[in-house]
Amino acid sequence: MDVNTSNCKLTFKGEAMKSRCGVAASVFASLGENGVEVKLITTSETKISCLVDEAQLSTVYDVLEKVYGLTNC
């Protein structure tokens, strides 16, 4: 068994996702286009979570800031 402890869990959540199609697709396309490997995905009506390598965390922050205008993530 291999255990990797250098992962980060990212969670995006909001009630507005119930009525907005394509949020998960947009998030994962943006990350993938920037070379971020998403290792695990879970979703619900109001929450998207994914697992990424800790070494890619700064890239993830940059992508989220650029694509979604987030400044406090």
C-alpha atoms as a PDB file:
ATOM      1  CA  MET A   1       0.000   0.000   0.000  1.00  0.00           C
ATOM      2  CA  ASP A   2       1.214   3.487  -0.888  1.00  0.00           C
ATOM      3  CA  VAL A   3       0.302   6.409   1.338  1.00  0.00           C
ATOM      4  CA  ASN A   4       0.829   9.930   0.015  1.00  0.00           C
ATOM      5  CA  THR A   5       0.518  12.692   2.580  1.00  0.00           C
ATOM      6  CA  SER A   6       1.437  15.584   0.294  1.00  0.00           C
ATOM      7  CA  ASN A   7      -2.088  16.256  -0.985  1.00  0.00           C
ATOM      8  CA  CYS A   8      -4.424  19.199  -0.500  1.00  0.00           C
ATOM      9  CA  LYS A   9      -8.200  19.111  -0.488  1.00  0.00           C
ATOM     10  CA  LEU A  10      -9.937  22.046  -2.187  1.00  0.00           C
ATOM     11  CA  THR A  11     -13.637  22.694  -1.644  1.00  0.00           C
ATOM     12  CA  PHE A  12     -15.824  25.105  -3.591  1.00  0.00           C
ATOM     13  CA  LYS A  13     -19.276  25.616  -2.163  1.00  0.00           C
ATOM     14  CA  GLY A  14     -22.287  27.841  -2.534  1.00  0.00           C
ATOM     15  CA  GLU A  15     -26.055  27.667  -2.775  1.00  0.00           C
ATOM     16  CA  ALA A  16     -25.969  29.316  -6.220  1.00  0.00           C
ATOM     17  CA  MET A  17     -24.426  26.150  -7.688  1.00  0.00           C
ATOM     18  CA  LYS A  18     -27.839  24.464  -7.461  1.00  0.00           C
ATOM     19  CA  SER A  19     -29.112  26.573 -10.340  1.00  0.00           C
ATOM     20  CA  ARG A  20     -25.877  27.105 -12.280  1.00  0.00           C
ATOM     21  CA  CYS A  21     -24.864  24.389 -14.743  1.00  0.00           C
ATOM     22  CA  GLY A  22     -21.246  23.621 -15.559  1.00  0.00           C
ATOM     23  CA  VAL A  23     -19.491  24.892 -12.446  1.00  0.00           C
ATOM     24  CA  ALA A  24     -17.519  21.664 -11.904  1.00  0.00           C
ATOM     25  CA  ALA A  25     -16.643  21.435 -15.599  1.00  0.00           C
ATOM     26  CA  SER A  26     -15.381  25.011 -15.558  1.00  0.00           C
ATOM     27  CA  VAL A  27     -13.269  24.497 -12.427  1.00  0.00           C
ATOM     28  CA  PHE A  28     -11.656  21.279 -13.657  1.00  0.00           C
ATOM     29  CA  ALA A  29     -11.111  22.550 -17.203  1.00  0.00           C
ATOM     30  CA  SER A  30      -9.352  25.640 -15.843  1.00  0.00           C
ATOM     31  CA  LEU A  31      -7.145  23.571 -13.561  1.00  0.00           C
ATOM     32  CA  GLY A  32      -6.363  21.015 -16.283  1.00  0.00           C
ATOM     33  CA  GLU A  33      -5.477  23.696 -18.847  1.00  0.00           C
ATOM     34  CA  ASN A  34      -2.897  24.955 -16.371  1.00  0.00           C
ATOM     35  CA  GLY A  35      -1.304  21.563 -15.740  1.00  0.00           C
ATOM     36  CA  VAL A  36      -2.930  20.806 -12.385  1.00  0.00           C
ATOM     37  CA  GLU A  37      -3.534  17.093 -11.873  1.00  0.00           C
ATOM     38  CA  VAL A  38      -6.799  16.477 -10.042  1.00  0.00           C
ATOM     39  CA  LYS A  39      -6.477  13.165  -8.193  1.00  0.00           C
ATOM     40  CA  LEU A  40      -9.965  12.805  -6.706  1.00  0.00           C
ATOM     41  CA  ILE A  41     -13.326  14.527  -7.207  1.00  0.00           C
ATOM     42  CA  THR A  42     -16.501  14.550  -5.131  1.00  0.00           C
ATOM     43  CA  THR A  43     -19.573  16.657  -5.850  1.00  0.00           C
ATOM     44  CA  SER A  44     -22.994  17.483  -4.469  1.00  0.00           C
ATOM     45  CA  GLU A  45     -25.604  20.090  -5.374  1.00  0.00           C
ATOM     46  CA  THR A  46     -23.818  22.799  -3.424  1.00  0.00           C
ATOM     47  CA  LYS A  47     -20.222  21.585  -3.060  1.00  0.00           C
ATOM     48  CA  ILE A  48     -17.312  20.454  -5.237  1.00  0.00           C
ATOM     49  CA  SER A  49     -14.209  18.976  -3.619  1.00  0.00           C
ATOM     50  CA  CYS A  50     -11.011  17.764  -5.212  1.00  0.00           C
ATOM     51  CA  LEU A  51      -7.611  16.490  -4.201  1.00  0.00           C
ATOM     52  CA  VAL A  52      -4.437  17.965  -5.727  1.00  0.00           C
ATOM     53  CA  ASP A  53      -0.730  17.608  -5.056  1.00  0.00           C
ATOM     54  CA  GLU A  54       0.533  20.071  -2.469  1.00  0.00           C
ATOM     55  CA  ALA A  55       3.339  21.101  -4.845  1.00  0.00           C
ATOM     56  CA  GLN A  56       0.720  22.473  -7.277  1.00  0.00           C
ATOM     57  CA  LEU A  57      -1.134  24.549  -4.685  1.00  0.00           C
ATOM     58  CA  SER A  58       0.335  27.904  -5.747  1.00  0.00           C
ATOM     59  CA  THR A  59      -0.675  27.154  -9.353  1.00  0.00           C
ATOM     60  CA  VAL A  60      -4.199  26.359  -8.165  1.00  0.00           C
ATOM     61  CA  TYR A  61      -4.387  29.688  -6.305  1.00  0.00           C
ATOM     62  CA  ASP A  62      -3.134  31.556  -9.377  1.00  0.00           C
ATOM     63  CA  VAL A  63      -5.706  29.869 -11.631  1.00  0.00           C
ATOM     64  CA  LEU A  64      -8.579  30.559  -9.235  1.00  0.00           C
ATOM     65  CA  GLU A  65      -7.555  34.198  -8.870  1.00  0.00           C
ATOM     66  CA  LYS A  66      -7.219  34.677 -12.614  1.00  0.00           C
ATOM     67  CA  VAL A  67     -10.303  32.796 -13.812  1.00  0.00           C
ATOM     68  CA  TYR A  68     -12.767  33.520 -11.012  1.00  0.00           C
ATOM     69  CA  GLY A  69     -11.468  36.773  -9.551  1.00  0.00           C
ATOM     70  CA  LEU A  70     -10.972  35.217  -6.117  1.00  0.00           C
ATOM     71  CA  THR A  71      -8.567  37.029  -3.853  1.00  0.00           C
ATOM     72  CA  ASN A  72      -8.986  35.338  -0.455  1.00  0.00           C
ATOM     73  CA  CYS A  73      -8.701  31.666  -1.248  1.00  0.00           C
END
